[in-house]
Amino acid sequence: MIHLIRERATAEQVHEMLEVLQTYIKLAVDVRRNIVAGGGGMHADCEAALLEDGSQQADVWGADWIPKSRDVRFESLINIRPKQGNRKMAIEDVSLRQTIEQIVRERFNA
């Protein structure tokens, strides 16, 4: 189940988002609107939910949240964006990674 997280995620939302992959949650993060979509089987599922909600493609990046270790990972196929200077699955811009991590930690109360 994909949830759009605009505030802190509830324990129930986290539980539902973990149902797909069990140990981690695939996310798409809108860095302009500070919204996280999580819980799909693919980052693209979460990205689609944000785009449907009004996000702009250039603002949405893929990440993972690992609740047990409280880690954020920054690798996703949706991050391959040569026109935006990101040629790899991993987000290369340190500042962008920091912004994403801050948003994810705020939403997951970490």
N, C-alpha and C. Protein backbone atom coordinates (compact mmCIF):
# COMPACT_ATOMS: atom_id res chain seq x y z
N MET A 1 0.83 -1.18 0.00
CA MET A 1 0.00 0.00 0.00
C MET A 1 0.88 1.25 0.00
N ILE A 2 0.62 2.15 -0.91
CA ILE A 2 1.38 3.40 -0.98
C ILE A 2 0.68 4.48 -0.18
N HIS A 3 1.45 5.12 0.67
CA HIS A 3 0.94 6.24 1.46
C HIS A 3 1.65 7.51 1.05
N LEU A 4 0.92 8.62 1.01
CA LEU A 4 1.52 9.94 0.87
C LEU A 4 1.68 10.47 2.29
N ILE A 5 2.92 10.78 2.64
CA ILE A 5 3.23 11.21 4.00
C ILE A 5 3.58 12.70 3.98
N ARG A 6 2.67 13.51 4.51
CA ARG A 6 2.87 14.96 4.57
C ARG A 6 3.32 15.41 5.97
N GLU A 7 3.01 14.60 6.95
CA GLU A 7 3.40 14.83 8.34
C GLU A 7 4.18 13.60 8.79
N ARG A 8 4.30 13.39 10.07
CA ARG A 8 4.98 12.18 10.54
C ARG A 8 4.13 10.95 10.24
N ALA A 9 4.78 9.90 9.78
CA ALA A 9 4.09 8.64 9.50
C ALA A 9 3.65 7.99 10.80
N THR A 10 2.47 7.42 10.79
CA THR A 10 1.99 6.70 11.97
C THR A 10 2.59 5.29 11.96
N ALA A 11 2.53 4.63 13.10
CA ALA A 11 3.01 3.25 13.20
C ALA A 11 2.22 2.36 12.24
N GLU A 12 0.93 2.61 12.11
CA GLU A 12 0.10 1.82 11.20
C GLU A 12 0.53 2.02 9.74
N GLN A 13 0.81 3.26 9.36
CA GLN A 13 1.27 3.52 8.00
C GLN A 13 2.59 2.82 7.72
N VAL A 14 3.52 2.89 8.65
CA VAL A 14 4.82 2.23 8.48
C VAL A 14 4.61 0.72 8.33
N HIS A 15 3.77 0.15 9.17
CA HIS A 15 3.48 -1.28 9.09
C HIS A 15 2.92 -1.64 7.72
N GLU A 16 1.98 -0.86 7.21
CA GLU A 16 1.38 -1.12 5.90
C GLU A 16 2.39 -0.95 4.77
N MET A 17 3.28 0.04 4.88
CA MET A 17 4.29 0.25 3.85
C MET A 17 5.32 -0.88 3.85
N LEU A 18 5.57 -1.49 5.00
CA LEU A 18 6.52 -2.60 5.10
C LEU A 18 5.97 -3.91 4.57
N GLU A 19 4.66 -4.01 4.35
CA GLU A 19 4.06 -5.26 3.91
C GLU A 19 4.65 -5.76 2.59
N VAL A 20 5.04 -4.87 1.70
CA VAL A 20 5.53 -5.27 0.38
C VAL A 20 6.91 -5.90 0.47
N LEU A 21 7.86 -5.24 1.11
CA LEU A 21 9.26 -5.70 1.10
C LEU A 21 9.78 -6.16 2.46
N GLN A 22 8.97 -6.04 3.50
CA GLN A 22 9.24 -6.54 4.84
C GLN A 22 10.30 -5.78 5.63
N THR A 23 11.50 -5.58 5.07
CA THR A 23 12.60 -5.01 5.85
C THR A 23 12.92 -3.56 5.51
N TYR A 24 12.41 -3.07 4.40
CA TYR A 24 12.64 -1.67 4.04
C TYR A 24 11.49 -1.15 3.20
N ILE A 25 11.43 0.16 3.07
CA ILE A 25 10.35 0.82 2.35
C ILE A 25 10.93 1.63 1.20
N LYS A 26 10.44 1.35 0.00
CA LYS A 26 10.84 2.17 -1.16
C LYS A 26 10.07 3.48 -1.09
N LEU A 27 10.78 4.55 -1.37
CA LEU A 27 10.20 5.89 -1.26
C LEU A 27 10.44 6.70 -2.52
N ALA A 28 9.59 7.67 -2.72
CA ALA A 28 9.84 8.77 -3.64
C ALA A 28 9.66 10.02 -2.80
N VAL A 29 10.59 10.95 -2.92
CA VAL A 29 10.59 12.14 -2.08
C VAL A 29 10.50 13.38 -2.97
N ASP A 30 9.49 14.21 -2.72
CA ASP A 30 9.38 15.49 -3.41
C ASP A 30 10.13 16.51 -2.57
N VAL A 31 11.28 16.94 -3.06
CA VAL A 31 12.14 17.83 -2.27
C VAL A 31 11.63 19.26 -2.23
N ARG A 32 10.74 19.63 -3.12
CA ARG A 32 10.17 20.98 -3.10
C ARG A 32 8.96 21.06 -2.16
N ARG A 33 8.12 20.02 -2.21
CA ARG A 33 6.90 20.02 -1.42
C ARG A 33 7.05 19.32 -0.06
N ASN A 34 8.21 18.70 0.18
CA ASN A 34 8.47 17.98 1.44
C ASN A 34 7.45 16.88 1.70
N ILE A 35 7.13 16.13 0.65
CA ILE A 35 6.19 15.01 0.77
C ILE A 35 6.92 13.73 0.39
N VAL A 36 6.59 12.66 1.10
CA VAL A 36 7.16 11.35 0.82
C VAL A 36 6.03 10.40 0.44
N ALA A 37 6.23 9.63 -0.62
CA ALA A 37 5.33 8.54 -0.96
C ALA A 37 6.11 7.26 -0.70
N GLY A 38 5.50 6.32 0.00
CA GLY A 38 6.21 5.09 0.32
C GLY A 38 5.32 3.88 0.33
N GLY A 39 5.92 2.73 0.08
CA GLY A 39 5.22 1.47 0.22
C GLY A 39 5.03 0.67 -1.04
N GLY A 40 5.41 1.16 -2.17
CA GLY A 40 5.23 0.40 -3.40
C GLY A 40 6.30 -0.65 -3.58
N GLY A 41 6.10 -1.49 -4.57
CA GLY A 41 7.08 -2.51 -4.91
C GLY A 41 8.24 -1.93 -5.70
N MET A 42 8.02 -0.78 -6.29
CA MET A 42 9.07 -0.09 -7.06
C MET A 42 9.02 1.40 -6.72
N HIS A 43 10.18 2.04 -6.82
CA HIS A 43 10.22 3.48 -6.60
C HIS A 43 9.29 4.20 -7.57
N ALA A 44 9.17 3.66 -8.78
CA ALA A 44 8.32 4.28 -9.79
C ALA A 44 6.85 4.30 -9.36
N ASP A 45 6.42 3.31 -8.57
CA ASP A 45 5.05 3.31 -8.05
C ASP A 45 4.83 4.51 -7.14
N CYS A 46 5.81 4.76 -6.28
CA CYS A 46 5.73 5.88 -5.35
C CYS A 46 5.84 7.20 -6.11
N GLU A 47 6.72 7.25 -7.09
CA GLU A 47 6.87 8.44 -7.92
C GLU A 47 5.54 8.76 -8.61
N ALA A 48 4.87 7.76 -9.15
CA ALA A 48 3.59 7.97 -9.83
C ALA A 48 2.55 8.55 -8.88
N ALA A 49 2.54 8.10 -7.64
CA ALA A 49 1.59 8.63 -6.65
C ALA A 49 1.84 10.11 -6.41
N LEU A 50 3.12 10.51 -6.32
CA LEU A 50 3.44 11.92 -6.12
C LEU A 50 3.08 12.76 -7.34
N LEU A 51 3.37 12.25 -8.53
CA LEU A 51 3.05 12.99 -9.75
C LEU A 51 1.54 13.18 -9.87
N GLU A 52 0.80 12.16 -9.51
CA GLU A 52 -0.66 12.25 -9.53
C GLU A 52 -1.16 13.28 -8.52
N ASP A 53 -0.42 13.46 -7.45
CA ASP A 53 -0.78 14.42 -6.40
C ASP A 53 -0.34 15.85 -6.73
N GLY A 54 0.35 16.04 -7.86
CA GLY A 54 0.74 17.38 -8.26
C GLY A 54 2.22 17.69 -8.21
N SER A 55 3.04 16.73 -7.86
CA SER A 55 4.49 16.95 -7.84
C SER A 55 5.02 17.10 -9.26
N GLN A 56 6.15 17.76 -9.39
CA GLN A 56 6.83 17.90 -10.67
C GLN A 56 7.95 16.86 -10.73
N GLN A 57 8.12 16.26 -11.89
CA GLN A 57 9.12 15.19 -12.07
C GLN A 57 10.51 15.59 -11.57
N ALA A 58 10.93 16.79 -11.86
CA ALA A 58 12.28 17.23 -11.50
C ALA A 58 12.50 17.29 -9.99
N ASP A 59 11.42 17.33 -9.21
CA ASP A 59 11.52 17.46 -7.76
C ASP A 59 11.46 16.12 -7.04
N VAL A 60 11.19 15.03 -7.75
CA VAL A 60 10.95 13.73 -7.13
C VAL A 60 12.16 12.81 -7.30
N TRP A 61 12.65 12.28 -6.17
CA TRP A 61 13.83 11.42 -6.16
C TRP A 61 13.55 10.15 -5.38
N GLY A 62 14.21 9.07 -5.76
CA GLY A 62 14.01 7.78 -5.11
C GLY A 62 14.98 7.53 -3.97
N ALA A 63 14.47 6.90 -2.93
CA ALA A 63 15.28 6.55 -1.76
C ALA A 63 14.64 5.34 -1.08
N ASP A 64 15.31 4.82 -0.07
CA ASP A 64 14.78 3.73 0.75
C ASP A 64 14.92 4.10 2.21
N TRP A 65 13.96 3.65 3.01
CA TRP A 65 14.03 3.80 4.46
C TRP A 65 14.09 2.41 5.07
N ILE A 66 15.12 2.20 5.91
CA ILE A 66 15.29 0.92 6.58
C ILE A 66 14.99 1.15 8.06
N PRO A 67 13.78 0.81 8.52
CA PRO A 67 13.39 1.13 9.90
C PRO A 67 14.29 0.53 10.97
N LYS A 68 14.71 -0.71 10.79
CA LYS A 68 15.49 -1.39 11.84
C LYS A 68 16.80 -0.65 12.13
N SER A 69 17.52 -0.25 11.09
CA SER A 69 18.80 0.44 11.27
C SER A 69 18.65 1.95 11.22
N ARG A 70 17.46 2.43 10.83
CA ARG A 70 17.16 3.85 10.70
C ARG A 70 18.06 4.52 9.65
N ASP A 71 18.35 3.78 8.60
CA ASP A 71 19.20 4.27 7.52
C ASP A 71 18.37 4.72 6.33
N VAL A 72 18.91 5.68 5.60
CA VAL A 72 18.33 6.13 4.34
C VAL A 72 19.32 5.77 3.24
N ARG A 73 18.82 5.13 2.19
CA ARG A 73 19.66 4.82 1.02
C ARG A 73 19.15 5.66 -0.15
N PHE A 74 20.05 5.93 -1.08
CA PHE A 74 19.75 6.88 -2.15
C PHE A 74 19.89 6.30 -3.55
N GLU A 75 19.59 5.02 -3.73
CA GLU A 75 19.73 4.39 -5.04
C GLU A 75 18.37 4.00 -5.59
N SER A 76 18.13 4.40 -6.84
CA SER A 76 16.88 4.06 -7.51
C SER A 76 17.04 4.32 -9.00
N LEU A 77 16.34 3.53 -9.79
CA LEU A 77 16.34 3.77 -11.23
C LEU A 77 15.77 5.14 -11.58
N ILE A 78 14.83 5.63 -10.78
CA ILE A 78 14.23 6.93 -11.10
C ILE A 78 15.20 8.09 -10.90
N ASN A 79 16.35 7.80 -10.28
CA ASN A 79 17.36 8.84 -10.06
C ASN A 79 18.29 9.04 -11.25
N ILE A 80 18.22 8.20 -12.25
CA ILE A 80 19.07 8.36 -13.42
C ILE A 80 18.51 9.50 -14.25
N ARG A 81 19.16 10.65 -14.17
CA ARG A 81 18.68 11.87 -14.82
C ARG A 81 19.83 12.69 -15.37
N PRO A 82 20.33 12.32 -16.51
CA PRO A 82 21.45 13.06 -17.09
C PRO A 82 21.16 14.55 -17.26
N LYS A 83 19.93 14.90 -17.61
CA LYS A 83 19.59 16.32 -17.81
C LYS A 83 19.67 17.11 -16.50
N GLN A 84 19.57 16.42 -15.38
CA GLN A 84 19.68 17.09 -14.08
C GLN A 84 21.04 16.82 -13.44
N GLY A 85 21.96 16.27 -14.20
CA GLY A 85 23.32 16.06 -13.72
C GLY A 85 23.52 14.81 -12.89
N ASN A 86 22.55 13.89 -12.89
CA ASN A 86 22.69 12.66 -12.12
C ASN A 86 22.65 11.49 -13.10
N ARG A 87 23.81 10.93 -13.38
CA ARG A 87 23.92 9.88 -14.39
C ARG A 87 23.89 8.46 -13.80
N LYS A 88 23.76 8.34 -12.51
CA LYS A 88 23.78 7.03 -11.86
C LYS A 88 22.48 6.80 -11.09
N MET A 89 22.31 5.56 -10.62
CA MET A 89 21.16 5.25 -9.77
C MET A 89 21.27 5.95 -8.42
N ALA A 90 22.50 6.10 -7.94
CA ALA A 90 22.72 6.78 -6.67
C ALA A 90 22.67 8.29 -6.88
N ILE A 91 22.08 8.99 -5.93
CA ILE A 91 22.05 10.45 -5.99
C ILE A 91 23.45 10.94 -5.68
N GLU A 92 24.03 11.68 -6.63
CA GLU A 92 25.43 12.10 -6.50
C GLU A 92 25.59 13.41 -5.75
N ASP A 93 24.62 14.28 -5.80
CA ASP A 93 24.71 15.60 -5.18
C ASP A 93 24.56 15.47 -3.66
N VAL A 94 25.60 15.82 -2.93
CA VAL A 94 25.62 15.68 -1.47
C VAL A 94 24.53 16.53 -0.83
N SER A 95 24.35 17.73 -1.31
CA SER A 95 23.33 18.62 -0.77
C SER A 95 21.93 18.04 -0.97
N LEU A 96 21.67 17.48 -2.13
CA LEU A 96 20.37 16.86 -2.41
C LEU A 96 20.16 15.66 -1.51
N ARG A 97 21.19 14.84 -1.32
CA ARG A 97 21.07 13.69 -0.41
C ARG A 97 20.74 14.15 1.01
N GLN A 98 21.38 15.23 1.45
CA GLN A 98 21.11 15.75 2.79
C GLN A 98 19.67 16.23 2.92
N THR A 99 19.17 16.89 1.89
CA THR A 99 17.78 17.36 1.91
C THR A 99 16.82 16.19 1.98
N ILE A 100 17.06 15.17 1.17
CA ILE A 100 16.20 13.99 1.16
C ILE A 100 16.25 13.28 2.51
N GLU A 101 17.45 13.12 3.05
CA GLU A 101 17.58 12.46 4.34
C GLU A 101 16.84 13.22 5.43
N GLN A 102 16.93 14.53 5.42
CA GLN A 102 16.24 15.35 6.42
C GLN A 102 14.72 15.15 6.31
N ILE A 103 14.19 15.18 5.10
CA ILE A 103 12.75 14.99 4.89
C ILE A 103 12.31 13.61 5.37
N VAL A 104 13.07 12.58 4.98
CA VAL A 104 12.73 11.21 5.36
C VAL A 104 12.76 11.07 6.88
N ARG A 105 13.79 11.58 7.51
CA ARG A 105 13.89 11.45 8.98
C ARG A 105 12.77 12.21 9.68
N GLU A 106 12.37 13.36 9.14
CA GLU A 106 11.23 14.09 9.73
C GLU A 106 9.94 13.28 9.60
N ARG A 107 9.74 12.66 8.46
CA ARG A 107 8.50 11.92 8.21
C ARG A 107 8.44 10.60 8.99
N PHE A 108 9.61 10.01 9.25
CA PHE A 108 9.65 8.74 9.96
C PHE A 108 10.16 8.89 11.39
N ASN A 109 10.22 10.14 11.85
CA ASN A 109 10.54 10.44 13.25
C ASN A 109 11.82 9.74 13.71
N ALA A 110 12.85 9.89 12.89
CA ALA A 110 14.09 9.18 13.21
C ALA A 110 15.15 10.12 13.73
